[in-house]
Amino acid sequence: MKVFIGSVIVLLLIGAGIWLLLSPSFKKVGETASKVKENLKEEKNGESNPEKEK
């Protein structure tokens, strides 16, 4: 039983460390997704300018 509890604690610590390492990536993904969503909304409304995109 002690081995099981120790294993769970170790897995939780490893998971927390990986989450902390990847959390900045999640923010970047969220920002990129919101930009893409805004671009799609503009294109749907016909407000997009092809020269503005590039």
Protein backbone atom coordinates (compact mmCIF):
# COMPACT_ATOMS: atom_id res chain seq x y z
CA MET A 1 0.00 0.00 0.00
CA LYS A 2 2.86 2.39 0.79
CA VAL A 3 4.37 1.73 -2.64
CA PHE A 4 1.06 2.58 -4.31
CA ILE A 5 0.69 5.86 -2.40
CA GLY A 6 4.30 6.80 -3.12
CA SER A 7 3.83 6.05 -6.82
CA VAL A 8 0.72 8.22 -6.97
CA ILE A 9 2.54 11.10 -5.28
CA VAL A 10 5.48 10.81 -7.68
CA LEU A 11 3.13 10.76 -10.69
CA LEU A 12 1.33 13.84 -9.39
CA LEU A 13 4.63 15.69 -8.95
CA ILE A 14 5.77 14.74 -12.46
CA GLY A 15 2.40 15.79 -13.88
CA ALA A 16 2.55 19.15 -12.09
CA GLY A 17 6.07 19.75 -13.41
CA ILE A 18 5.06 18.99 -16.98
CA TRP A 19 2.00 21.21 -16.64
CA LEU A 20 4.17 24.10 -15.41
CA LEU A 21 6.57 23.61 -18.32
CA LEU A 22 3.78 23.58 -20.90
CA SER A 23 1.54 26.33 -19.48
CA PRO A 24 3.19 29.13 -21.55
CA SER A 25 2.45 27.06 -24.66
CA PHE A 26 -1.24 26.95 -23.76
CA LYS A 27 -1.32 30.74 -23.61
CA LYS A 28 0.30 31.00 -27.05
CA VAL A 29 -2.16 28.48 -28.49
CA GLY A 30 -5.08 30.45 -27.04
CA GLU A 31 -3.82 33.73 -28.49
CA THR A 32 -3.30 32.14 -31.91
CA ALA A 33 -6.76 30.58 -31.83
CA SER A 34 -8.40 33.92 -31.02
CA LYS A 35 -6.53 35.61 -33.89
CA VAL A 36 -7.65 32.90 -36.32
CA LYS A 37 -11.22 33.21 -35.06
CA GLU A 38 -11.17 36.99 -35.62
CA ASN A 39 -9.76 36.53 -39.15
CA LEU A 40 -12.47 33.99 -39.99
CA LYS A 41 -15.16 36.31 -38.65
CA GLU A 42 -13.82 39.19 -40.80
CA GLU A 43 -13.72 36.99 -43.89
CA LYS A 44 -17.28 35.82 -43.27
CA ASN A 45 -18.47 39.43 -43.03
CA GLY A 46 -16.57 40.40 -46.18
CA GLU A 47 -14.38 42.91 -44.38
CA SER A 48 -11.12 41.13 -45.16
CA ASN A 49 -8.48 42.90 -47.22
CA PRO A 50 -6.10 40.48 -49.06
CA GLU A 51 -3.22 42.98 -48.97
CA LYS A 52 -3.66 43.47 -45.22
CA GLU A 53 -3.18 39.75 -44.47
CA LYS A 54 0.36 39.54 -45.87
